């Protein structure tokens, strides 16, 4: 899952804070608002990657906010995930037909929320995504899924590749094992936190051939980070 800037719009403070808290725990940069009017001003000013918007808002409906977003050239690419406490499929169909990227019913299941947010963020972003990422002698071709370490191609297992790509994409940020499981393993119930340690050791062993293992750093009591800076 890509880390992103997310705006949560919901007049229900408890529901809004619950959603925002879960997204922050995943490492996202989250802002909260309670009206459609303030939300439209915010998205025009900050251009977040994703808006999580309640269907029922006090000033305008979430559907009207969605229509405003989709009718604006500058905001049309903003990804929108709608929520609603109304049972049934009417709101879902209406929202999706109006251009919502996805829909979650309340009360929100936090594991489902994380999965749907991840799916939204994996769709085309509102800015060009580089095909190659490089740092400290490590280069990843994201189109060809090729990894170059110190000018030499190396072979990584799929999960090792995803873990290295995620860490390089978010340098100097510390991620807990839980966060890495969510972003790299998609909360696969069959794996536990120690699985992260095993894959970190494998990556370090591969990078150590070029003396680059030091870039994957253990932060005691917190997790792991990728950094080319001196500790």
C-alpha atoms as a PDB file:
ATOM      1  CA  UNK A   1       0.000   0.000   0.000  1.00  0.00           C
ATOM      2  CA  UNK A   2       1.249   3.463  -0.910  1.00  0.00           C
ATOM      3  CA  UNK A   3       1.465   6.064   1.859  1.00  0.00           C
ATOM      4  CA  UNK A   4      -0.700   9.037   1.060  1.00  0.00           C
ATOM      5  CA  UNK A   5      -2.330  12.274   2.115  1.00  0.00           C
ATOM      6  CA  UNK A   6      -5.945  11.536   3.023  1.00  0.00           C
ATOM      7  CA  UNK A   7      -8.859  13.801   3.922  1.00  0.00           C
ATOM      8  CA  UNK A   8     -11.614  12.263   6.057  1.00  0.00           C
ATOM      9  CA  UNK A   9     -14.939  14.138   5.805  1.00  0.00           C
ATOM     10  CA  UNK A  10     -17.642  13.127   8.279  1.00  0.00           C
ATOM     11  CA  UNK A  11     -19.906  15.081  10.636  1.00  0.00           C
ATOM     12  CA  UNK A  12     -19.958  12.144  13.060  1.00  0.00           C
ATOM     13  CA  UNK A  13     -16.916  12.968  15.195  1.00  0.00           C
ATOM     14  CA  UNK A  14     -16.608   9.476  16.652  1.00  0.00           C
ATOM     15  CA  UNK A  15     -16.722   7.725  13.291  1.00  0.00           C
ATOM     16  CA  UNK A  16     -14.419  10.296  11.691  1.00  0.00           C
ATOM     17  CA  UNK A  17     -11.834  10.004  14.451  1.00  0.00           C
ATOM     18  CA  UNK A  18     -11.938   6.219  14.336  1.00  0.00           C
ATOM     19  CA  UNK A  19     -11.270   6.168  10.608  1.00  0.00           C
ATOM     20  CA  UNK A  20      -8.565   8.848  10.869  1.00  0.00           C
ATOM     21  CA  UNK A  21      -6.855   7.027  13.738  1.00  0.00           C
ATOM     22  CA  UNK A  22      -6.699   3.775  11.798  1.00  0.00           C
ATOM     23  CA  UNK A  23      -5.264   5.507   8.723  1.00  0.00           C
ATOM     24  CA  UNK A  24      -2.655   7.336  10.804  1.00  0.00           C
ATOM     25  CA  UNK A  25      -1.598   4.049  12.371  1.00  0.00           C
ATOM     26  CA  UNK A  26      -0.917   2.815   8.849  1.00  0.00           C
ATOM     27  CA  UNK A  27       1.402   5.784   8.324  1.00  0.00           C
ATOM     28  CA  UNK A  28      -0.826   8.014   6.208  1.00  0.00           C
ATOM     29  CA  UNK A  29      -0.965  11.815   6.587  1.00  0.00           C
ATOM     30  CA  UNK A  30      -4.589  12.430   7.592  1.00  0.00           C
ATOM     31  CA  UNK A  31      -6.703  15.581   7.947  1.00  0.00           C
ATOM     32  CA  UNK A  32     -10.269  15.680   9.264  1.00  0.00           C
ATOM     33  CA  UNK A  33     -13.226  17.912   8.365  1.00  0.00           C
ATOM     34  CA  UNK A  34     -16.942  17.787   9.148  1.00  0.00           C
ATOM     35  CA  UNK A  35     -18.630  19.661   6.266  1.00  0.00           C
ATOM     36  CA  UNK A  36     -18.697  19.496   2.487  1.00  0.00           C
ATOM     37  CA  UNK A  37     -17.971  23.220   2.184  1.00  0.00           C
ATOM     38  CA  UNK A  38     -14.759  23.037   4.168  1.00  0.00           C
ATOM     39  CA  UNK A  39     -13.785  19.854   2.321  1.00  0.00           C
ATOM     40  CA  UNK A  40     -14.069  21.357  -1.153  1.00  0.00           C
ATOM     41  CA  UNK A  41     -11.905  24.304  -0.062  1.00  0.00           C
ATOM     42  CA  UNK A  42      -9.350  21.921   1.418  1.00  0.00           C
ATOM     43  CA  UNK A  43      -9.036  19.640  -1.614  1.00  0.00           C
ATOM     44  CA  UNK A  44      -8.627  22.630  -3.921  1.00  0.00           C
ATOM     45  CA  UNK A  45      -5.874  23.968  -1.689  1.00  0.00           C
ATOM     46  CA  UNK A  46      -3.952  20.815  -0.786  1.00  0.00           C
ATOM     47  CA  UNK A  47      -4.878  18.247  -3.480  1.00  0.00           C
ATOM     48  CA  UNK A  48      -4.806  15.117  -1.261  1.00  0.00           C
ATOM     49  CA  UNK A  49      -4.368  11.655  -2.736  1.00  0.00           C
ATOM     50  CA  UNK A  50      -7.645  10.331  -1.360  1.00  0.00           C
ATOM     51  CA  UNK A  51     -10.848  11.650   0.226  1.00  0.00           C
ATOM     52  CA  UNK A  52     -12.875   9.394   2.526  1.00  0.00           C
ATOM     53  CA  UNK A  53     -16.312  11.004   2.521  1.00  0.00           C
ATOM     54  CA  UNK A  54     -19.543  10.242   4.373  1.00  0.00           C
ATOM     55  CA  UNK A  55     -22.683  10.077   2.239  1.00  0.00           C
ATOM     56  CA  UNK A  56     -24.686  12.281   4.653  1.00  0.00           C
ATOM     57  CA  UNK A  57     -23.157  15.671   5.498  1.00  0.00           C
ATOM     58  CA  UNK A  58     -24.864  18.651   7.205  1.00  0.00           C
ATOM     59  CA  UNK A  59     -24.466  21.296   4.501  1.00  0.00           C
ATOM     60  CA  UNK A  60     -24.313  19.335   1.247  1.00  0.00           C
ATOM     61  CA  UNK A  61     -24.637  15.615   0.748  1.00  0.00           C
ATOM     62  CA  UNK A  62     -21.489  13.617   0.184  1.00  0.00           C
ATOM     63  CA  UNK A  63     -22.882  12.842  -3.256  1.00  0.00           C
ATOM     64  CA  UNK A  64     -23.030  16.557  -4.099  1.00  0.00           C
ATOM     65  CA  UNK A  65     -19.445  16.920  -2.875  1.00  0.00           C
ATOM     66  CA  UNK A  66     -18.451  14.000  -5.081  1.00  0.00           C
ATOM     67  CA  UNK A  67     -20.185  15.598  -8.074  1.00  0.00           C
ATOM     68  CA  UNK A  68     -18.337  18.876  -7.439  1.00  0.00           C
ATOM     69  CA  UNK A  69     -15.040  16.989  -7.395  1.00  0.00           C
ATOM     70  CA  UNK A  70     -15.773  15.037 -10.569  1.00  0.00           C
ATOM     71  CA  UNK A  71     -16.936  18.147 -12.446  1.00  0.00           C
ATOM     72  CA  UNK A  72     -13.685  20.027 -11.707  1.00  0.00           C
ATOM     73  CA  UNK A  73     -10.788  19.554 -14.121  1.00  0.00           C
ATOM     74  CA  UNK A  74      -8.257  20.161 -11.353  1.00  0.00           C
ATOM     75  CA  UNK A  75      -9.897  17.658  -8.973  1.00  0.00           C
ATOM     76  CA  UNK A  76     -11.229  15.018 -11.339  1.00  0.00           C
ATOM     77  CA  UNK A  77      -8.363  12.624 -10.606  1.00  0.00           C
ATOM     78  CA  UNK A  78      -8.855  12.785  -6.829  1.00  0.00           C
ATOM     79  CA  UNK A  79      -9.712   9.314  -5.554  1.00  0.00           C
ATOM     80  CA  UNK A  80     -12.852   9.175  -3.413  1.00  0.00           C
ATOM     81  CA  UNK A  81     -14.014   6.449  -1.040  1.00  0.00           C
ATOM     82  CA  UNK A  82     -17.577   6.925   0.225  1.00  0.00           C
ATOM     83  CA  UNK A  83     -18.984   5.726   3.542  1.00  0.00           C
ATOM     84  CA  UNK A  84     -22.584   5.416   4.727  1.00  0.00           C
ATOM     85  CA  UNK A  85     -24.517   4.156   7.737  1.00  0.00           C
ATOM     86  CA  UNK A  86     -27.601   3.501   5.597  1.00  0.00           C
ATOM     87  CA  UNK A  87     -28.184  -0.226   5.060  1.00  0.00           C
ATOM     88  CA  UNK A  88     -28.788  -1.630   1.612  1.00  0.00           C
ATOM     89  CA  UNK A  89     -27.231  -1.093  -1.788  1.00  0.00           C
ATOM     90  CA  UNK A  90     -28.929   2.113  -2.995  1.00  0.00           C
ATOM     91  CA  UNK A  91     -26.214   4.451  -1.712  1.00  0.00           C
ATOM     92  CA  UNK A  92     -23.519   2.135  -3.055  1.00  0.00           C
ATOM     93  CA  UNK A  93     -24.929   2.076  -6.573  1.00  0.00           C
ATOM     94  CA  UNK A  94     -25.562   5.839  -6.598  1.00  0.00           C
ATOM     95  CA  UNK A  95     -22.079   6.651  -5.352  1.00  0.00           C
ATOM     96  CA  UNK A  96     -20.303   4.345  -7.801  1.00  0.00           C
ATOM     97  CA  UNK A  97     -22.389   5.598 -10.720  1.00  0.00           C
ATOM     98  CA  UNK A  98     -21.461   9.165  -9.730  1.00  0.00           C
ATOM     99  CA  UNK A  99     -17.751   8.416  -9.849  1.00  0.00           C
ATOM    100  CA  UNK A 100     -16.757   7.149  -6.400  1.00  0.00           C
ATOM    101  CA  UNK A 101     -13.791   4.791  -6.476  1.00  0.00           C
ATOM    102  CA  UNK A 102     -15.139   2.559  -3.702  1.00  0.00           C
ATOM    103  CA  UNK A 103     -17.664   2.353  -0.871  1.00  0.00           C
ATOM    104  CA  UNK A 104     -17.608   1.150   2.758  1.00  0.00           C
ATOM    105  CA  UNK A 105     -20.640   0.567   4.973  1.00  0.00           C
ATOM    106  CA  UNK A 106     -20.748   1.697   8.601  1.00  0.00           C
ATOM    107  CA  UNK A 107     -19.961   0.632  11.201  1.00  0.00           C
ATOM    108  CA  UNK A 108     -16.628   0.462   9.432  1.00  0.00           C
ATOM    109  CA  UNK A 109     -14.623  -2.729   9.673  1.00  0.00           C
ATOM    110  CA  UNK A 110     -11.095  -1.402  10.061  1.00  0.00           C
ATOM    111  CA  UNK A 111      -9.444  -4.299   8.242  1.00  0.00           C
ATOM    112  CA  UNK A 112     -11.810  -3.835   5.300  1.00  0.00           C
ATOM    113  CA  UNK A 113     -11.167  -0.092   5.386  1.00  0.00           C
ATOM    114  CA  UNK A 114      -7.401  -0.615   5.153  1.00  0.00           C
ATOM    115  CA  UNK A 115      -7.840  -2.989   2.213  1.00  0.00           C
ATOM    116  CA  UNK A 116     -10.179  -0.664   0.307  1.00  0.00           C
ATOM    117  CA  UNK A 117      -7.987   2.377   0.932  1.00  0.00           C
ATOM    118  CA  UNK A 118      -5.029   0.394  -0.359  1.00  0.00           C
ATOM    119  CA  UNK A 119      -6.951  -0.592  -3.480  1.00  0.00           C
ATOM    120  CA  UNK A 120      -7.918   3.033  -4.123  1.00  0.00           C
ATOM    121  CA  UNK A 121      -4.341   4.212  -3.731  1.00  0.00           C
ATOM    122  CA  UNK A 122      -3.077   1.562  -6.139  1.00  0.00           C
ATOM    123  CA  UNK A 123      -5.189   3.056  -8.890  1.00  0.00           C
ATOM    124  CA  UNK A 124      -3.700   5.735 -11.157  1.00  0.00           C
ATOM    125  CA  UNK A 125      -2.585   8.687  -9.048  1.00  0.00           C
ATOM    126  CA  UNK A 126      -3.127  12.375  -9.701  1.00  0.00           C
ATOM    127  CA  UNK A 127       0.533  12.839 -10.466  1.00  0.00           C
ATOM    128  CA  UNK A 128       3.022  10.998 -12.635  1.00  0.00           C
ATOM    129  CA  UNK A 129       4.689   8.063 -10.915  1.00  0.00           C
ATOM    130  CA  UNK A 130       8.351   7.523 -11.680  1.00  0.00           C
ATOM    131  CA  UNK A 131       9.172   4.202 -13.337  1.00  0.00           C
ATOM    132  CA  UNK A 132      12.463   3.959 -11.452  1.00  0.00           C
ATOM    133  CA  UNK A 133      13.467   4.689  -7.886  1.00  0.00           C
ATOM    134  CA  UNK A 134      17.065   4.870  -6.676  1.00  0.00           C
ATOM    135  CA  UNK A 135      18.860   5.460  -3.409  1.00  0.00           C
ATOM    136  CA  UNK A 136      22.323   4.749  -2.069  1.00  0.00           C
ATOM    137  CA  UNK A 137      23.498   2.491  -4.896  1.00  0.00           C
ATOM    138  CA  UNK A 138      20.183   0.599  -5.085  1.00  0.00           C
ATOM    139  CA  UNK A 139      17.924   1.047  -8.103  1.00  0.00           C
ATOM    140  CA  UNK A 140      14.499  -0.483  -8.741  1.00  0.00           C
ATOM    141  CA  UNK A 141      12.858  -0.624 -12.162  1.00  0.00           C
ATOM    142  CA  UNK A 142       9.180  -0.701 -11.160  1.00  0.00           C
ATOM    143  CA  UNK A 143       7.955  -1.596 -14.648  1.00  0.00           C
ATOM    144  CA  UNK A 144      10.278  -4.554 -15.158  1.00  0.00           C
ATOM    145  CA  UNK A 145      10.481  -5.501 -11.456  1.00  0.00           C
ATOM    146  CA  UNK A 146      14.265  -5.523 -11.701  1.00  0.00           C
ATOM    147  CA  UNK A 147      16.607  -4.587  -8.859  1.00  0.00           C
ATOM    148  CA  UNK A 148      20.140  -3.326  -9.361  1.00  0.00           C
ATOM    149  CA  UNK A 149      22.561  -3.218  -6.443  1.00  0.00           C
ATOM    150  CA  UNK A 150      25.909  -1.532  -7.073  1.00  0.00           C
ATOM    151  CA  UNK A 151      25.466  -1.923 -10.863  1.00  0.00           C
ATOM    152  CA  UNK A 152      24.644  -5.627 -10.545  1.00  0.00           C
ATOM    153  CA  UNK A 153      21.228  -7.203 -11.109  1.00  0.00           C
ATOM    154  CA  UNK A 154      20.015  -9.171  -8.092  1.00  0.00           C
ATOM    155  CA  UNK A 155      17.156 -11.634  -7.773  1.00  0.00           C
ATOM    156  CA  UNK A 156      14.587 -11.081  -5.058  1.00  0.00           C
ATOM    157  CA  UNK A 157      11.566 -13.139  -4.075  1.00  0.00           C
ATOM    158  CA  UNK A 158       8.280 -11.274  -4.716  1.00  0.00           C
ATOM    159  CA  UNK A 159       7.750 -10.334  -1.075  1.00  0.00           C
ATOM    160  CA  UNK A 160      11.362  -9.212  -0.652  1.00  0.00           C
ATOM    161  CA  UNK A 161      10.945  -7.043  -3.739  1.00  0.00           C
ATOM    162  CA  UNK A 162       7.780  -5.434  -2.354  1.00  0.00           C
ATOM    163  CA  UNK A 163       9.410  -4.836   1.023  1.00  0.00           C
ATOM    164  CA  UNK A 164      12.491  -3.199  -0.493  1.00  0.00           C
ATOM    165  CA  UNK A 165      10.376  -1.094  -2.865  1.00  0.00           C
ATOM    166  CA  UNK A 166       8.173   0.109  -0.017  1.00  0.00           C
ATOM    167  CA  UNK A 167      11.143   1.067   2.166  1.00  0.00           C
ATOM    168  CA  UNK A 168      12.921   2.901  -0.672  1.00  0.00           C
ATOM    169  CA  UNK A 169       9.734   4.721  -1.586  1.00  0.00           C
ATOM    170  CA  UNK A 170       9.456   6.083   1.969  1.00  0.00           C
ATOM    171  CA  UNK A 171      13.030   6.822   3.074  1.00  0.00           C
ATOM    172  CA  UNK A 172      13.898   7.950   6.610  1.00  0.00           C
ATOM    173  CA  UNK A 173      10.496   6.900   7.963  1.00  0.00           C
ATOM    174  CA  UNK A 174      10.228   4.313  10.714  1.00  0.00           C
ATOM    175  CA  UNK A 175       7.650   1.564  10.192  1.00  0.00           C
ATOM    176  CA  UNK A 176       6.509  -0.904  12.814  1.00  0.00           C
ATOM    177  CA  UNK A 177       6.188  -4.586  11.973  1.00  0.00           C
ATOM    178  CA  UNK A 178       2.401  -4.128  11.991  1.00  0.00           C
ATOM    179  CA  UNK A 179       2.604  -1.329   9.435  1.00  0.00           C
ATOM    180  CA  UNK A 180       4.923  -3.350   7.191  1.00  0.00           C
ATOM    181  CA  UNK A 181       2.588  -6.335   7.378  1.00  0.00           C
ATOM    182  CA  UNK A 182      -0.283  -4.118   6.236  1.00  0.00           C
ATOM    183  CA  UNK A 183       1.599  -2.401   3.422  1.00  0.00           C
ATOM    184  CA  UNK A 184       3.656  -5.320   2.123  1.00  0.00           C
ATOM    185  CA  UNK A 185       1.687  -8.418   3.149  1.00  0.00           C
ATOM    186  CA  UNK A 186      -1.787  -6.818   2.998  1.00  0.00           C
ATOM    187  CA  UNK A 187      -2.569  -8.149   6.467  1.00  0.00           C
ATOM    188  CA  UNK A 188      -2.250 -11.780   5.344  1.00  0.00           C
ATOM    189  CA  UNK A 189      -3.616 -13.701   8.331  1.00  0.00           C
ATOM    190  CA  UNK A 190      -1.140 -16.541   7.762  1.00  0.00           C
ATOM    191  CA  UNK A 191       1.922 -14.473   8.648  1.00  0.00           C
ATOM    192  CA  UNK A 192       3.024 -12.863  11.898  1.00  0.00           C
ATOM    193  CA  UNK A 193       5.309  -9.985  12.890  1.00  0.00           C
ATOM    194  CA  UNK A 194       8.418 -12.201  12.920  1.00  0.00           C
ATOM    195  CA  UNK A 195       7.932 -12.783   9.205  1.00  0.00           C
ATOM    196  CA  UNK A 196       9.038  -9.170   8.721  1.00  0.00           C
ATOM    197  CA  UNK A 197      12.278  -9.887  10.603  1.00  0.00           C
ATOM    198  CA  UNK A 198      13.008 -12.889   8.384  1.00  0.00           C
ATOM    199  CA  UNK A 199      12.594 -10.880   5.180  1.00  0.00           C
ATOM    200  CA  UNK A 200      14.623  -7.981   6.568  1.00  0.00           C
ATOM    201  CA  UNK A 201      17.492 -10.402   7.267  1.00  0.00           C
ATOM    202  CA  UNK A 202      17.278 -11.770   3.731  1.00  0.00           C
ATOM    203  CA  UNK A 203      17.369  -8.284   2.230  1.00  0.00           C
ATOM    204  CA  UNK A 204      20.331  -7.309   4.378  1.00  0.00           C
ATOM    205  CA  UNK A 205      22.204 -10.425   3.299  1.00  0.00           C
ATOM    206  CA  UNK A 206      21.652  -9.559  -0.360  1.00  0.00           C
ATOM    207  CA  UNK A 207      22.610  -5.912   0.119  1.00  0.00           C
ATOM    208  CA  UNK A 208      25.651  -6.832   2.198  1.00  0.00           C
ATOM    209  CA  UNK A 209      27.421  -8.123  -0.919  1.00  0.00           C
ATOM    210  CA  UNK A 210      27.771  -4.446  -1.859  1.00  0.00           C
ATOM    211  CA  UNK A 211      28.104  -3.301   1.767  1.00  0.00           C
ATOM    212  CA  UNK A 212      24.726  -1.581   1.594  1.00  0.00           C
ATOM    213  CA  UNK A 213      22.938  -3.571   4.311  1.00  0.00           C
ATOM    214  CA  UNK A 214      23.519  -0.671   6.707  1.00  0.00           C
ATOM    215  CA  UNK A 215      20.797   1.303   4.919  1.00  0.00           C
ATOM    216  CA  UNK A 216      18.089  -0.976   6.349  1.00  0.00           C
ATOM    217  CA  UNK A 217      18.185   0.150   9.943  1.00  0.00           C
ATOM    218  CA  UNK A 218      16.604  -1.304  13.062  1.00  0.00           C
ATOM    219  CA  UNK A 219      15.022   1.278  15.351  1.00  0.00           C
ATOM    220  CA  UNK A 220      14.842  -0.370  18.742  1.00  0.00           C
ATOM    221  CA  UNK A 221      11.313  -0.611  20.088  1.00  0.00           C
ATOM    222  CA  UNK A 222       9.843   0.964  16.950  1.00  0.00           C
ATOM    223  CA  UNK A 223      10.597  -1.034  13.802  1.00  0.00           C
ATOM    224  CA  UNK A 224      12.646  -0.508  10.656  1.00  0.00           C
ATOM    225  CA  UNK A 225      13.575   2.276   8.270  1.00  0.00           C
ATOM    226  CA  UNK A 226      15.566   2.723   5.084  1.00  0.00           C
ATOM    227  CA  UNK A 227      18.029   5.588   5.222  1.00  0.00           C
ATOM    228  CA  UNK A 228      21.278   6.450   3.474  1.00  0.00           C
ATOM    229  CA  UNK A 229      22.093   8.910   6.240  1.00  0.00           C
ATOM    230  CA  UNK A 230      24.617   8.095   8.918  1.00  0.00           C
ATOM    231  CA  UNK A 231      22.972   6.891  12.126  1.00  0.00           C
END
